[in-house]
Amino acid sequence: MLIRYKKSLEKIAMGLLSFMPEEKDVKKLQNTIKEYETNSDWHLFLWKEADDVLGAIGVRLEEDINAVIQHISVNPSHRNQGIGKKMVNEVSKLYEEKYAVCAVDEIQQFYTKCDDDIE
């Protein structure tokens, strides 16, 4: 289930985002989390199953046109179980009526694979 990020889940969210290559640096990661907390166009969601948070997906809204998936990460011990695809599908459903959903270059290949699987 997709849930909205909140401050009480900061450590979990930072842990998940740290698996992304461009978020390895602690300062960069702290700035990214701060951006999600303060910028109304940045939305971070977590994927929760039972009582465990297993993934994170971040979206940046651009000019009331695009919803750009810019971060996606799944706990390594839960990868290859379709969690990333579920997150992409849920985010797409959430934004598709108002925005064109797309992805940044770094995750475009994964996004395209998810999109292909939907059709």
N, C-alpha and C. Protein backbone atom coordinates (compact mmCIF):
# COMPACT_ATOMS: atom_id res chain seq x y z
N MET A 1 0.84 -1.17 0.00
CA MET A 1 0.00 0.00 0.00
C MET A 1 0.89 1.24 0.00
N LEU A 2 0.54 2.20 -0.84
CA LEU A 2 1.26 3.45 -0.95
C LEU A 2 0.81 4.41 0.15
N ILE A 3 1.77 4.93 0.92
CA ILE A 3 1.44 5.91 1.97
C ILE A 3 2.28 7.16 1.76
N ARG A 4 1.74 8.29 2.16
CA ARG A 4 2.46 9.56 2.06
C ARG A 4 3.59 9.60 3.09
N TYR A 5 4.73 10.13 2.69
CA TYR A 5 5.85 10.31 3.62
C TYR A 5 5.45 11.29 4.71
N LYS A 6 5.88 11.01 5.92
CA LYS A 6 5.76 11.97 7.02
C LYS A 6 7.05 11.94 7.82
N LYS A 7 7.29 13.00 8.55
CA LYS A 7 8.55 13.20 9.27
C LYS A 7 8.92 12.01 10.17
N SER A 8 7.92 11.37 10.77
CA SER A 8 8.20 10.24 11.66
C SER A 8 8.83 9.05 10.91
N LEU A 9 8.75 9.06 9.59
CA LEU A 9 9.32 7.97 8.78
C LEU A 9 10.62 8.40 8.10
N GLU A 10 11.20 9.50 8.58
CA GLU A 10 12.39 10.07 7.93
C GLU A 10 13.55 9.08 7.82
N LYS A 11 13.89 8.40 8.90
CA LYS A 11 15.04 7.48 8.87
C LYS A 11 14.81 6.33 7.89
N ILE A 12 13.61 5.81 7.88
CA ILE A 12 13.28 4.72 6.94
C ILE A 12 13.39 5.23 5.51
N ALA A 13 12.82 6.40 5.24
CA ALA A 13 12.86 6.97 3.89
C ALA A 13 14.30 7.24 3.45
N MET A 14 15.10 7.80 4.36
CA MET A 14 16.50 8.07 4.02
C MET A 14 17.25 6.77 3.75
N GLY A 15 16.98 5.74 4.53
CA GLY A 15 17.61 4.45 4.31
C GLY A 15 17.28 3.88 2.94
N LEU A 16 16.02 3.97 2.56
CA LEU A 16 15.61 3.46 1.25
C LEU A 16 16.20 4.29 0.11
N LEU A 17 16.14 5.60 0.23
CA LEU A 17 16.68 6.45 -0.83
C LEU A 17 18.20 6.32 -0.96
N SER A 18 18.87 5.94 0.13
CA SER A 18 20.33 5.80 0.08
C SER A 18 20.78 4.65 -0.83
N PHE A 19 19.87 3.76 -1.20
CA PHE A 19 20.21 2.68 -2.13
C PHE A 19 20.34 3.19 -3.57
N MET A 20 19.85 4.41 -3.82
CA MET A 20 19.97 4.98 -5.16
C MET A 20 21.38 5.54 -5.33
N PRO A 21 22.04 5.24 -6.44
CA PRO A 21 23.43 5.67 -6.64
C PRO A 21 23.65 7.17 -6.43
N GLU A 22 22.73 8.00 -6.91
CA GLU A 22 22.94 9.45 -6.79
C GLU A 22 22.64 9.99 -5.40
N GLU A 23 22.15 9.15 -4.50
CA GLU A 23 21.83 9.58 -3.14
C GLU A 23 22.76 8.96 -2.09
N LYS A 24 23.92 8.49 -2.50
CA LYS A 24 24.87 7.86 -1.58
C LYS A 24 25.46 8.85 -0.57
N ASP A 25 25.70 10.07 -1.03
CA ASP A 25 26.28 11.10 -0.17
C ASP A 25 25.26 11.56 0.87
N VAL A 26 25.64 11.55 2.15
CA VAL A 26 24.72 11.88 3.25
C VAL A 26 24.15 13.29 3.11
N LYS A 27 25.00 14.25 2.77
CA LYS A 27 24.53 15.64 2.61
C LYS A 27 23.49 15.74 1.49
N LYS A 28 23.76 15.09 0.38
CA LYS A 28 22.82 15.10 -0.75
C LYS A 28 21.51 14.46 -0.33
N LEU A 29 21.58 13.35 0.39
CA LEU A 29 20.40 12.65 0.86
C LEU A 29 19.59 13.52 1.82
N GLN A 30 20.27 14.20 2.73
CA GLN A 30 19.58 15.10 3.67
C GLN A 30 18.88 16.23 2.92
N ASN A 31 19.55 16.77 1.90
CA ASN A 31 18.94 17.83 1.10
C ASN A 31 17.72 17.32 0.33
N THR A 32 17.80 16.09 -0.17
CA THR A 32 16.68 15.51 -0.90
C THR A 32 15.47 15.35 0.02
N ILE A 33 15.68 14.81 1.21
CA ILE A 33 14.58 14.64 2.17
C ILE A 33 14.00 16.00 2.55
N LYS A 34 14.86 16.98 2.76
CA LYS A 34 14.39 18.33 3.12
C LYS A 34 13.53 18.90 1.99
N GLU A 35 13.94 18.66 0.77
CA GLU A 35 13.17 19.13 -0.39
C GLU A 35 11.77 18.50 -0.40
N TYR A 36 11.70 17.19 -0.11
CA TYR A 36 10.39 16.52 -0.05
C TYR A 36 9.53 17.08 1.09
N GLU A 37 10.16 17.50 2.16
CA GLU A 37 9.42 18.03 3.30
C GLU A 37 8.94 19.48 3.08
N THR A 38 9.66 20.25 2.28
CA THR A 38 9.37 21.68 2.17
C THR A 38 8.81 22.13 0.82
N ASN A 39 9.06 21.40 -0.24
CA ASN A 39 8.63 21.81 -1.57
C ASN A 39 7.28 21.17 -1.88
N SER A 40 6.28 21.98 -2.11
CA SER A 40 4.92 21.45 -2.35
C SER A 40 4.80 20.70 -3.68
N ASP A 41 5.79 20.84 -4.56
CA ASP A 41 5.77 20.11 -5.83
C ASP A 41 6.52 18.78 -5.77
N TRP A 42 7.12 18.47 -4.63
CA TRP A 42 7.83 17.20 -4.45
C TRP A 42 7.02 16.32 -3.51
N HIS A 43 6.68 15.12 -3.96
CA HIS A 43 5.86 14.20 -3.16
C HIS A 43 6.60 12.87 -3.00
N LEU A 44 6.79 12.46 -1.77
CA LEU A 44 7.45 11.19 -1.48
C LEU A 44 6.43 10.23 -0.89
N PHE A 45 6.43 9.02 -1.42
CA PHE A 45 5.54 7.97 -0.94
C PHE A 45 6.37 6.77 -0.52
N LEU A 46 5.85 6.03 0.43
CA LEU A 46 6.49 4.80 0.88
C LEU A 46 5.55 3.64 0.60
N TRP A 47 6.13 2.47 0.35
CA TRP A 47 5.35 1.27 0.11
C TRP A 47 5.37 0.42 1.37
N LYS A 48 4.19 0.15 1.90
CA LYS A 48 4.08 -0.58 3.15
C LYS A 48 3.29 -1.87 2.93
N GLU A 49 3.84 -2.96 3.43
CA GLU A 49 3.14 -4.25 3.43
C GLU A 49 3.22 -4.79 4.85
N ALA A 50 2.08 -5.21 5.37
CA ALA A 50 1.97 -5.60 6.78
C ALA A 50 2.44 -4.40 7.61
N ASP A 51 3.45 -4.57 8.45
CA ASP A 51 3.96 -3.45 9.24
C ASP A 51 5.32 -2.97 8.75
N ASP A 52 5.74 -3.43 7.58
CA ASP A 52 7.07 -3.09 7.07
C ASP A 52 7.00 -2.11 5.90
N VAL A 53 7.88 -1.12 5.92
CA VAL A 53 8.04 -0.21 4.80
C VAL A 53 9.13 -0.81 3.92
N LEU A 54 8.78 -1.14 2.68
CA LEU A 54 9.69 -1.88 1.80
C LEU A 54 10.24 -1.06 0.65
N GLY A 55 9.63 0.08 0.36
CA GLY A 55 10.08 0.86 -0.78
C GLY A 55 9.73 2.32 -0.66
N ALA A 56 10.33 3.11 -1.55
CA ALA A 56 10.06 4.55 -1.61
C ALA A 56 10.01 4.97 -3.07
N ILE A 57 9.12 5.92 -3.34
CA ILE A 57 9.02 6.48 -4.69
C ILE A 57 8.75 7.97 -4.56
N GLY A 58 9.52 8.77 -5.30
CA GLY A 58 9.40 10.22 -5.22
C GLY A 58 8.99 10.82 -6.55
N VAL A 59 8.09 11.79 -6.48
CA VAL A 59 7.53 12.42 -7.67
C VAL A 59 7.72 13.94 -7.57
N ARG A 60 8.09 14.54 -8.69
CA ARG A 60 8.22 15.99 -8.78
C ARG A 60 7.19 16.48 -9.81
N LEU A 61 6.33 17.41 -9.39
CA LEU A 61 5.35 17.98 -10.31
C LEU A 61 5.98 19.15 -11.04
N GLU A 62 5.78 19.17 -12.36
CA GLU A 62 6.37 20.22 -13.20
C GLU A 62 5.28 20.99 -13.93
N GLU A 63 5.14 22.26 -13.61
CA GLU A 63 4.29 23.19 -14.35
C GLU A 63 2.88 22.69 -14.59
N ASP A 64 2.30 22.01 -13.65
CA ASP A 64 0.94 21.47 -13.80
C ASP A 64 0.76 20.62 -15.06
N ILE A 65 1.87 20.06 -15.56
CA ILE A 65 1.81 19.24 -16.77
C ILE A 65 2.30 17.82 -16.49
N ASN A 66 3.50 17.71 -15.93
CA ASN A 66 4.14 16.40 -15.73
C ASN A 66 4.25 16.02 -14.27
N ALA A 67 4.10 14.74 -14.01
CA ALA A 67 4.44 14.15 -12.72
C ALA A 67 5.64 13.26 -13.01
N VAL A 68 6.81 13.71 -12.59
CA VAL A 68 8.06 13.04 -12.95
C VAL A 68 8.52 12.16 -11.79
N ILE A 69 8.59 10.86 -12.02
CA ILE A 69 9.13 9.96 -11.01
C ILE A 69 10.64 10.15 -11.01
N GLN A 70 11.16 10.60 -9.87
CA GLN A 70 12.59 10.93 -9.82
C GLN A 70 13.37 10.04 -8.86
N HIS A 71 12.70 9.33 -7.99
CA HIS A 71 13.35 8.39 -7.08
C HIS A 71 12.49 7.14 -7.00
N ILE A 72 13.14 6.01 -6.98
CA ILE A 72 12.45 4.75 -6.72
C ILE A 72 13.47 3.78 -6.12
N SER A 73 13.08 3.18 -5.02
CA SER A 73 14.00 2.29 -4.32
C SER A 73 13.21 1.24 -3.55
N VAL A 74 13.74 0.03 -3.57
CA VAL A 74 13.13 -1.08 -2.83
C VAL A 74 14.21 -1.69 -1.95
N ASN A 75 13.84 -2.03 -0.72
CA ASN A 75 14.76 -2.70 0.20
C ASN A 75 15.37 -3.90 -0.54
N PRO A 76 16.71 -4.02 -0.54
CA PRO A 76 17.36 -5.10 -1.30
C PRO A 76 16.84 -6.50 -0.98
N SER A 77 16.45 -6.75 0.25
CA SER A 77 15.97 -8.10 0.59
C SER A 77 14.55 -8.36 0.08
N HIS A 78 13.92 -7.35 -0.53
CA HIS A 78 12.57 -7.53 -1.06
C HIS A 78 12.50 -7.22 -2.56
N ARG A 79 13.64 -7.17 -3.21
CA ARG A 79 13.67 -6.88 -4.64
C ARG A 79 13.23 -8.11 -5.44
N ASN A 80 12.90 -7.85 -6.70
CA ASN A 80 12.45 -8.89 -7.64
C ASN A 80 11.15 -9.55 -7.20
N GLN A 81 10.33 -8.80 -6.47
CA GLN A 81 9.02 -9.31 -6.05
C GLN A 81 7.89 -8.44 -6.61
N GLY A 82 8.23 -7.51 -7.50
CA GLY A 82 7.22 -6.66 -8.13
C GLY A 82 6.84 -5.42 -7.34
N ILE A 83 7.56 -5.12 -6.27
CA ILE A 83 7.21 -3.95 -5.44
C ILE A 83 7.45 -2.65 -6.21
N GLY A 84 8.55 -2.55 -6.91
CA GLY A 84 8.82 -1.34 -7.70
C GLY A 84 7.74 -1.11 -8.73
N LYS A 85 7.33 -2.17 -9.40
CA LYS A 85 6.27 -2.07 -10.40
C LYS A 85 4.95 -1.64 -9.75
N LYS A 86 4.64 -2.19 -8.58
CA LYS A 86 3.42 -1.80 -7.87
C LYS A 86 3.45 -0.32 -7.52
N MET A 87 4.60 0.17 -7.07
CA MET A 87 4.72 1.58 -6.72
C MET A 87 4.51 2.47 -7.95
N VAL A 88 5.14 2.11 -9.06
CA VAL A 88 4.99 2.88 -10.30
C VAL A 88 3.52 2.88 -10.73
N ASN A 89 2.87 1.73 -10.68
CA ASN A 89 1.46 1.63 -11.08
C ASN A 89 0.57 2.50 -10.20
N GLU A 90 0.79 2.46 -8.89
CA GLU A 90 -0.04 3.25 -7.96
C GLU A 90 0.18 4.74 -8.14
N VAL A 91 1.43 5.15 -8.32
CA VAL A 91 1.72 6.56 -8.55
C VAL A 91 1.11 7.01 -9.88
N SER A 92 1.19 6.17 -10.89
CA SER A 92 0.60 6.50 -12.19
C SER A 92 -0.91 6.71 -12.04
N LYS A 93 -1.57 5.81 -11.33
CA LYS A 93 -3.02 5.94 -11.11
C LYS A 93 -3.35 7.22 -10.35
N LEU A 94 -2.51 7.55 -9.39
CA LEU A 94 -2.73 8.72 -8.54
C LEU A 94 -2.68 10.03 -9.33
N TYR A 95 -1.79 10.10 -10.31
CA TYR A 95 -1.56 11.36 -11.03
C TYR A 95 -2.10 11.40 -12.46
N GLU A 96 -2.48 10.26 -13.03
CA GLU A 96 -2.76 10.20 -14.47
C GLU A 96 -3.90 11.10 -14.95
N GLU A 97 -4.85 11.42 -14.08
CA GLU A 97 -5.96 12.26 -14.53
C GLU A 97 -5.55 13.71 -14.75
N LYS A 98 -4.56 14.18 -14.02
CA LYS A 98 -4.17 15.59 -14.11
C LYS A 98 -2.80 15.81 -14.76
N TYR A 99 -1.95 14.80 -14.74
CA TYR A 99 -0.57 14.95 -15.22
C TYR A 99 -0.18 13.85 -16.19
N ALA A 100 0.82 14.16 -17.00
CA ALA A 100 1.48 13.13 -17.80
C ALA A 100 2.57 12.54 -16.91
N VAL A 101 2.48 11.27 -16.60
CA VAL A 101 3.45 10.62 -15.71
C VAL A 101 4.63 10.16 -16.56
N CYS A 102 5.84 10.49 -16.08
CA CYS A 102 7.07 10.10 -16.77
C CYS A 102 8.15 9.88 -15.72
N ALA A 103 9.37 9.65 -16.17
CA ALA A 103 10.47 9.36 -15.23
C ALA A 103 11.74 10.07 -15.67
N VAL A 104 12.62 10.33 -14.70
CA VAL A 104 13.93 10.91 -15.02
C VAL A 104 14.77 9.85 -15.75
N ASP A 105 15.81 10.32 -16.43
CA ASP A 105 16.65 9.43 -17.24
C ASP A 105 17.19 8.23 -16.45
N GLU A 106 17.59 8.47 -15.19
CA GLU A 106 18.22 7.41 -14.39
C GLU A 106 17.30 6.21 -14.16
N ILE A 107 16.01 6.43 -14.17
CA ILE A 107 15.08 5.30 -13.92
C ILE A 107 14.14 5.06 -15.10
N GLN A 108 14.41 5.72 -16.23
CA GLN A 108 13.55 5.60 -17.41
C GLN A 108 13.41 4.15 -17.88
N GLN A 109 14.49 3.42 -17.90
CA GLN A 109 14.44 2.03 -18.38
C GLN A 109 13.50 1.20 -17.50
N PHE A 110 13.63 1.34 -16.20
CA PHE A 110 12.75 0.61 -15.28
C PHE A 110 11.30 1.06 -15.46
N TYR A 111 11.08 2.36 -15.57
CA TYR A 111 9.73 2.91 -15.75
C TYR A 111 9.10 2.35 -17.03
N THR A 112 9.87 2.34 -18.11
CA THR A 112 9.36 1.83 -19.40
C THR A 112 8.99 0.36 -19.27
N LYS A 113 9.80 -0.42 -18.57
CA LYS A 113 9.50 -1.84 -18.37
C LYS A 113 8.19 -2.00 -17.60
N CYS A 114 7.99 -1.20 -16.57
CA CYS A 114 6.74 -1.25 -15.80
C CYS A 114 5.55 -0.89 -16.67
N ASP A 115 5.72 0.15 -17.48
CA ASP A 115 4.66 0.62 -18.36
C ASP A 115 4.31 -0.43 -19.41
N ASP A 116 5.33 -1.11 -19.94
CA ASP A 116 5.11 -2.18 -20.92
C ASP A 116 4.33 -3.34 -20.32
N ASP A 117 4.61 -3.64 -19.05
CA ASP A 117 3.95 -4.75 -18.38
C ASP A 117 2.48 -4.47 -18.11
N ILE A 118 2.11 -3.20 -18.05
CA ILE A 118 0.73 -2.82 -17.76
C ILE A 118 -0.16 -3.11 -18.96
N GLU A 119 0.37 -2.85 -20.15
CA GLU A 119 -0.44 -2.97 -21.38
C GLU A 119 -0.81 -4.40 -21.70
